[in-house]
């Protein structure tokens, strides 16, 4: 039981970000953030027409979730 608590505590510590980020790491994080943003809403109408309702998230360059995929920055 103790070992399990210890590993859970270590996992929590591993996923934390530093309070003061190095400029190069900040730059990489901002680039990844831009890549995962939703596409503008007008792209949906341009591609599918006015009648079709599609989420703008379909047209992003890279699909990534903060929980599923880590960046290893």
C-alpha atoms as a PDB file:
ATOM      1  CA  UNK A   1       0.000   0.000   0.000  1.00  0.00           C
ATOM      2  CA  UNK A   2       2.816   2.413   0.877  1.00  0.00           C
ATOM      3  CA  UNK A   3       4.604   1.703  -2.375  1.00  0.00           C
ATOM      4  CA  UNK A   4       1.480   2.530  -4.378  1.00  0.00           C
ATOM      5  CA  UNK A   5       1.036   5.865  -2.599  1.00  0.00           C
ATOM      6  CA  UNK A   6       4.679   6.684  -3.239  1.00  0.00           C
ATOM      7  CA  UNK A   7       4.421   5.946  -6.963  1.00  0.00           C
ATOM      8  CA  UNK A   8       1.253   8.043  -7.230  1.00  0.00           C
ATOM      9  CA  UNK A   9       3.011  10.911  -5.506  1.00  0.00           C
ATOM     10  CA  UNK A  10       5.972  10.589  -7.879  1.00  0.00           C
ATOM     11  CA  UNK A  11       3.680  10.600 -10.907  1.00  0.00           C
ATOM     12  CA  UNK A  12       2.062  13.812  -9.710  1.00  0.00           C
ATOM     13  CA  UNK A  13       5.455  15.442  -9.237  1.00  0.00           C
ATOM     14  CA  UNK A  14       6.656  14.391 -12.682  1.00  0.00           C
ATOM     15  CA  UNK A  15       3.815  16.104 -14.537  1.00  0.00           C
ATOM     16  CA  UNK A  16       4.318  19.539 -12.965  1.00  0.00           C
ATOM     17  CA  UNK A  17       5.621  22.490 -14.978  1.00  0.00           C
ATOM     18  CA  UNK A  18       8.291  24.802 -13.687  1.00  0.00           C
ATOM     19  CA  UNK A  19       7.133  28.166 -12.410  1.00  0.00           C
ATOM     20  CA  UNK A  20       9.860  29.994 -14.334  1.00  0.00           C
ATOM     21  CA  UNK A  21      10.086  28.670 -17.865  1.00  0.00           C
ATOM     22  CA  UNK A  22      13.129  29.084 -20.085  1.00  0.00           C
ATOM     23  CA  UNK A  23      12.380  31.271 -23.131  1.00  0.00           C
ATOM     24  CA  UNK A  24      13.158  28.467 -25.595  1.00  0.00           C
ATOM     25  CA  UNK A  25      10.748  26.069 -23.874  1.00  0.00           C
ATOM     26  CA  UNK A  26       8.117  28.819 -23.782  1.00  0.00           C
ATOM     27  CA  UNK A  27       8.606  29.343 -27.503  1.00  0.00           C
ATOM     28  CA  UNK A  28       8.125  25.637 -28.247  1.00  0.00           C
ATOM     29  CA  UNK A  29       5.013  25.482 -26.063  1.00  0.00           C
ATOM     30  CA  UNK A  30       3.496  28.492 -27.802  1.00  0.00           C
ATOM     31  CA  UNK A  31       4.146  26.924 -31.221  1.00  0.00           C
ATOM     32  CA  UNK A  32       2.393  23.715 -30.165  1.00  0.00           C
ATOM     33  CA  UNK A  33      -0.492  25.768 -28.774  1.00  0.00           C
ATOM     34  CA  UNK A  34      -0.947  27.536 -32.103  1.00  0.00           C
ATOM     35  CA  UNK A  35      -0.978  24.217 -33.965  1.00  0.00           C
ATOM     36  CA  UNK A  36      -3.806  22.786 -31.870  1.00  0.00           C
ATOM     37  CA  UNK A  37      -6.142  25.785 -32.042  1.00  0.00           C
ATOM     38  CA  UNK A  38      -9.464  25.499 -33.810  1.00  0.00           C
ATOM     39  CA  UNK A  39      -9.639  26.657 -37.384  1.00  0.00           C
ATOM     40  CA  UNK A  40     -11.601  29.855 -38.086  1.00  0.00           C
ATOM     41  CA  UNK A  41     -15.361  29.281 -38.313  1.00  0.00           C
ATOM     42  CA  UNK A  42     -15.564  30.545 -41.902  1.00  0.00           C
ATOM     43  CA  UNK A  43     -13.388  27.646 -43.139  1.00  0.00           C
ATOM     44  CA  UNK A  44     -16.236  25.241 -42.326  1.00  0.00           C
ATOM     45  CA  UNK A  45     -18.650  27.183 -44.520  1.00  0.00           C
ATOM     46  CA  UNK A  46     -16.047  27.474 -47.272  1.00  0.00           C
ATOM     47  CA  UNK A  47     -15.364  23.719 -47.353  1.00  0.00           C
ATOM     48  CA  UNK A  48     -18.799  22.222 -46.622  1.00  0.00           C
ATOM     49  CA  UNK A  49     -21.264  24.968 -47.523  1.00  0.00           C
ATOM     50  CA  UNK A  50     -23.729  26.848 -45.363  1.00  0.00           C
ATOM     51  CA  UNK A  51     -26.016  23.928 -44.475  1.00  0.00           C
ATOM     52  CA  UNK A  52     -23.470  21.500 -43.045  1.00  0.00           C
ATOM     53  CA  UNK A  53     -22.659  21.848 -39.356  1.00  0.00           C
ATOM     54  CA  UNK A  54     -19.122  20.667 -38.596  1.00  0.00           C
ATOM     55  CA  UNK A  55     -16.907  21.517 -35.645  1.00  0.00           C
ATOM     56  CA  UNK A  56     -13.975  23.833 -36.543  1.00  0.00           C
ATOM     57  CA  UNK A  57     -11.655  21.546 -34.555  1.00  0.00           C
ATOM     58  CA  UNK A  58     -11.680  19.130 -37.490  1.00  0.00           C
ATOM     59  CA  UNK A  59      -9.553  21.471 -39.548  1.00  0.00           C
ATOM     60  CA  UNK A  60      -6.650  21.957 -37.151  1.00  0.00           C
ATOM     61  CA  UNK A  61      -3.138  21.095 -38.236  1.00  0.00           C
ATOM     62  CA  UNK A  62      -2.374  18.820 -35.277  1.00  0.00           C
ATOM     63  CA  UNK A  63      -4.935  17.208 -33.004  1.00  0.00           C
ATOM     64  CA  UNK A  64      -3.607  16.791 -29.485  1.00  0.00           C
ATOM     65  CA  UNK A  65      -5.027  16.672 -25.971  1.00  0.00           C
ATOM     66  CA  UNK A  66      -3.085  17.733 -22.896  1.00  0.00           C
ATOM     67  CA  UNK A  67      -3.966  14.519 -21.085  1.00  0.00           C
ATOM     68  CA  UNK A  68      -3.493  11.937 -23.824  1.00  0.00           C
ATOM     69  CA  UNK A  69      -0.308  13.035 -25.564  1.00  0.00           C
ATOM     70  CA  UNK A  70       2.676  14.645 -23.857  1.00  0.00           C
ATOM     71  CA  UNK A  71       4.945  16.978 -25.812  1.00  0.00           C
ATOM     72  CA  UNK A  72       8.350  16.065 -24.340  1.00  0.00           C
ATOM     73  CA  UNK A  73       9.405  19.695 -24.675  1.00  0.00           C
END
